[in-house]
Amino acid sequence: MKELAILGTGCAKCTKLEENARLAGESLGLACHIRKVSDLQEIMKYGVMMTPALVIDGEVKSIGKVLSVDDIKALLG
């Protein structure tokens, strides 16, 4: 199972990134656990200074932009 984390304070971009991540996992048929991280202290532990950010299996894959479903599929595949 892939572990995904969406880092952000709950803005529209963070919500869209979460939606795109969910769609990417579903379209690939992958079991994904997606969690939202909004605590600034926890976000900083990842070294992220700009949100939204996408973390896959503990590794930061994207910072400061909303990846498309296809972009996320490429990272998951």
N, C-alpha and C. Protein backbone atom coordinates (compact mmCIF):
# COMPACT_ATOMS: atom_id res chain seq x y z
N MET A 1 0.84 -1.18 0.00
CA MET A 1 0.00 0.00 0.00
C MET A 1 0.88 1.24 0.00
N LYS A 2 0.55 2.17 -0.87
CA LYS A 2 1.27 3.43 -0.94
C LYS A 2 0.76 4.36 0.16
N GLU A 3 1.69 5.03 0.79
CA GLU A 3 1.36 6.03 1.81
C GLU A 3 1.59 7.41 1.22
N LEU A 4 0.52 8.19 1.09
CA LEU A 4 0.61 9.54 0.55
C LEU A 4 0.24 10.54 1.63
N ALA A 5 0.93 11.65 1.64
CA ALA A 5 0.59 12.74 2.54
C ALA A 5 0.47 14.02 1.72
N ILE A 6 -0.59 14.74 1.97
CA ILE A 6 -0.79 16.04 1.36
C ILE A 6 -0.47 17.07 2.43
N LEU A 7 0.57 17.85 2.21
CA LEU A 7 0.98 18.85 3.18
C LEU A 7 0.38 20.19 2.79
N GLY A 8 -0.37 20.78 3.72
CA GLY A 8 -0.96 22.08 3.46
C GLY A 8 -1.96 22.45 4.52
N THR A 9 -2.34 23.71 4.50
CA THR A 9 -3.21 24.24 5.56
C THR A 9 -4.69 24.11 5.27
N GLY A 10 -5.03 23.47 4.16
CA GLY A 10 -6.45 23.28 3.84
C GLY A 10 -6.98 24.23 2.79
N CYS A 11 -6.08 24.88 2.06
CA CYS A 11 -6.51 25.81 1.02
C CYS A 11 -7.07 25.04 -0.18
N ALA A 12 -7.61 25.75 -1.12
CA ALA A 12 -8.21 25.14 -2.31
C ALA A 12 -7.19 24.31 -3.08
N LYS A 13 -5.94 24.78 -3.16
CA LYS A 13 -4.90 24.04 -3.88
C LYS A 13 -4.60 22.72 -3.18
N CYS A 14 -4.58 22.74 -1.86
CA CYS A 14 -4.33 21.52 -1.10
C CYS A 14 -5.45 20.51 -1.31
N THR A 15 -6.66 20.99 -1.32
CA THR A 15 -7.83 20.13 -1.54
C THR A 15 -7.79 19.52 -2.93
N LYS A 16 -7.41 20.31 -3.93
CA LYS A 16 -7.32 19.82 -5.31
C LYS A 16 -6.21 18.78 -5.44
N LEU A 17 -5.09 19.00 -4.79
CA LEU A 17 -3.99 18.03 -4.84
C LEU A 17 -4.43 16.71 -4.22
N GLU A 18 -5.16 16.78 -3.11
CA GLU A 18 -5.66 15.56 -2.48
C GLU A 18 -6.62 14.83 -3.42
N GLU A 19 -7.50 15.56 -4.05
CA GLU A 19 -8.46 14.96 -4.99
C GLU A 19 -7.72 14.29 -6.16
N ASN A 20 -6.72 14.98 -6.71
CA ASN A 20 -5.96 14.43 -7.83
C ASN A 20 -5.17 13.19 -7.41
N ALA A 21 -4.64 13.19 -6.19
CA ALA A 21 -3.90 12.02 -5.70
C ALA A 21 -4.84 10.83 -5.55
N ARG A 22 -6.03 11.07 -5.04
CA ARG A 22 -7.01 10.00 -4.88
C ARG A 22 -7.41 9.42 -6.26
N LEU A 23 -7.66 10.30 -7.21
CA LEU A 23 -8.02 9.86 -8.56
C LEU A 23 -6.88 9.09 -9.23
N ALA A 24 -5.65 9.53 -9.02
CA ALA A 24 -4.50 8.86 -9.62
C ALA A 24 -4.37 7.44 -9.06
N GLY A 25 -4.48 7.30 -7.76
CA GLY A 25 -4.40 5.97 -7.15
C GLY A 25 -5.50 5.06 -7.62
N GLU A 26 -6.71 5.59 -7.69
CA GLU A 26 -7.86 4.79 -8.14
C GLU A 26 -7.69 4.35 -9.60
N SER A 27 -7.24 5.26 -10.44
CA SER A 27 -7.12 4.93 -11.86
C SER A 27 -6.03 3.89 -12.12
N LEU A 28 -5.03 3.83 -11.23
CA LEU A 28 -3.98 2.82 -11.35
C LEU A 28 -4.34 1.52 -10.64
N GLY A 29 -5.44 1.55 -9.90
CA GLY A 29 -5.84 0.37 -9.14
C GLY A 29 -4.96 0.11 -7.94
N LEU A 30 -4.33 1.15 -7.43
CA LEU A 30 -3.43 1.02 -6.28
C LEU A 30 -4.18 1.26 -4.98
N ALA A 31 -3.79 0.51 -3.97
CA ALA A 31 -4.31 0.78 -2.63
C ALA A 31 -3.44 1.90 -2.05
N CYS A 32 -4.07 3.02 -1.76
CA CYS A 32 -3.35 4.18 -1.23
C CYS A 32 -4.01 4.66 0.05
N HIS A 33 -3.16 4.96 1.01
CA HIS A 33 -3.64 5.62 2.23
C HIS A 33 -3.21 7.08 2.11
N ILE A 34 -4.20 7.97 2.06
CA ILE A 34 -3.91 9.39 1.90
C ILE A 34 -4.27 10.11 3.19
N ARG A 35 -3.31 10.86 3.70
CA ARG A 35 -3.59 11.66 4.90
C ARG A 35 -3.23 13.11 4.64
N LYS A 36 -3.99 13.98 5.28
CA LYS A 36 -3.73 15.41 5.17
C LYS A 36 -2.92 15.84 6.38
N VAL A 37 -1.90 16.61 6.13
CA VAL A 37 -1.06 17.14 7.20
C VAL A 37 -1.18 18.65 7.17
N SER A 38 -1.81 19.20 8.21
CA SER A 38 -2.00 20.65 8.24
C SER A 38 -1.21 21.33 9.36
N ASP A 39 -0.64 20.54 10.25
CA ASP A 39 0.15 21.10 11.35
C ASP A 39 1.48 21.65 10.81
N LEU A 40 1.72 22.93 11.00
CA LEU A 40 2.91 23.57 10.43
C LEU A 40 4.20 22.96 10.95
N GLN A 41 4.23 22.55 12.21
CA GLN A 41 5.43 21.93 12.75
C GLN A 41 5.75 20.62 12.03
N GLU A 42 4.71 19.83 11.76
CA GLU A 42 4.91 18.57 11.06
C GLU A 42 5.33 18.80 9.61
N ILE A 43 4.72 19.80 8.98
CA ILE A 43 5.08 20.14 7.60
C ILE A 43 6.55 20.54 7.54
N MET A 44 7.01 21.32 8.51
CA MET A 44 8.40 21.78 8.53
C MET A 44 9.37 20.61 8.71
N LYS A 45 8.93 19.54 9.38
CA LYS A 45 9.79 18.36 9.56
C LYS A 45 10.18 17.75 8.22
N TYR A 46 9.33 17.95 7.21
CA TYR A 46 9.64 17.46 5.87
C TYR A 46 10.56 18.42 5.11
N GLY A 47 10.86 19.56 5.69
CA GLY A 47 11.69 20.56 5.02
C GLY A 47 10.92 21.36 3.99
N VAL A 48 9.61 21.34 4.09
CA VAL A 48 8.75 22.02 3.13
C VAL A 48 8.41 23.42 3.64
N MET A 49 8.66 24.42 2.80
CA MET A 49 8.38 25.80 3.18
C MET A 49 7.23 26.39 2.37
N MET A 50 6.77 25.66 1.36
CA MET A 50 5.68 26.14 0.51
C MET A 50 4.71 24.97 0.28
N THR A 51 3.44 25.28 0.37
CA THR A 51 2.44 24.24 0.16
C THR A 51 1.60 24.59 -1.07
N PRO A 52 0.89 23.64 -1.64
CA PRO A 52 0.77 22.26 -1.18
C PRO A 52 2.01 21.45 -1.55
N ALA A 53 2.18 20.35 -0.84
CA ALA A 53 3.28 19.44 -1.14
C ALA A 53 2.74 18.02 -1.11
N LEU A 54 3.37 17.16 -1.90
CA LEU A 54 2.98 15.76 -1.97
C LEU A 54 4.14 14.90 -1.49
N VAL A 55 3.84 14.01 -0.55
CA VAL A 55 4.83 13.07 -0.03
C VAL A 55 4.34 11.67 -0.35
N ILE A 56 5.19 10.86 -0.94
CA ILE A 56 4.86 9.47 -1.26
C ILE A 56 5.85 8.57 -0.54
N ASP A 57 5.33 7.70 0.29
CA ASP A 57 6.15 6.76 1.06
C ASP A 57 7.30 7.47 1.78
N GLY A 58 6.99 8.62 2.39
CA GLY A 58 7.96 9.36 3.19
C GLY A 58 8.90 10.27 2.43
N GLU A 59 8.81 10.30 1.11
CA GLU A 59 9.69 11.12 0.28
C GLU A 59 8.91 12.26 -0.36
N VAL A 60 9.39 13.48 -0.16
CA VAL A 60 8.73 14.65 -0.77
C VAL A 60 8.93 14.59 -2.27
N LYS A 61 7.81 14.61 -3.00
CA LYS A 61 7.86 14.50 -4.47
C LYS A 61 7.52 15.81 -5.17
N SER A 62 6.80 16.70 -4.50
CA SER A 62 6.38 17.95 -5.12
C SER A 62 6.15 19.00 -4.05
N ILE A 63 6.57 20.22 -4.36
CA ILE A 63 6.39 21.34 -3.42
C ILE A 63 5.85 22.54 -4.18
N GLY A 64 4.79 23.14 -3.63
CA GLY A 64 4.32 24.42 -4.13
C GLY A 64 3.48 24.40 -5.39
N LYS A 65 3.01 23.23 -5.80
CA LYS A 65 2.16 23.21 -6.99
C LYS A 65 1.15 22.08 -6.90
N VAL A 66 0.10 22.23 -7.68
CA VAL A 66 -0.94 21.21 -7.76
C VAL A 66 -0.62 20.32 -8.95
N LEU A 67 -0.18 19.11 -8.66
CA LEU A 67 0.13 18.18 -9.74
C LEU A 67 -1.15 17.65 -10.36
N SER A 68 -1.10 17.39 -11.65
CA SER A 68 -2.25 16.81 -12.33
C SER A 68 -2.36 15.33 -11.96
N VAL A 69 -3.49 14.74 -12.29
CA VAL A 69 -3.69 13.30 -12.06
C VAL A 69 -2.60 12.52 -12.79
N ASP A 70 -2.31 12.89 -14.02
CA ASP A 70 -1.29 12.18 -14.80
C ASP A 70 0.10 12.33 -14.19
N ASP A 71 0.41 13.51 -13.67
CA ASP A 71 1.71 13.72 -13.02
C ASP A 71 1.86 12.80 -11.80
N ILE A 72 0.79 12.69 -11.03
CA ILE A 72 0.83 11.85 -9.83
C ILE A 72 0.89 10.38 -10.21
N LYS A 73 0.17 10.00 -11.25
CA LYS A 73 0.23 8.61 -11.73
C LYS A 73 1.67 8.24 -12.10
N ALA A 74 2.37 9.15 -12.73
CA ALA A 74 3.76 8.89 -13.11
C ALA A 74 4.64 8.67 -11.88
N LEU A 75 4.37 9.42 -10.82
CA LEU A 75 5.15 9.27 -9.59
C LEU A 75 4.80 7.97 -8.86
N LEU A 76 3.56 7.55 -8.98
CA LEU A 76 3.11 6.33 -8.31
C LEU A 76 3.49 5.07 -9.07
N GLY A 77 3.60 5.18 -10.40
CA GLY A 77 3.81 4.03 -11.25
C GLY A 77 5.21 3.58 -11.28
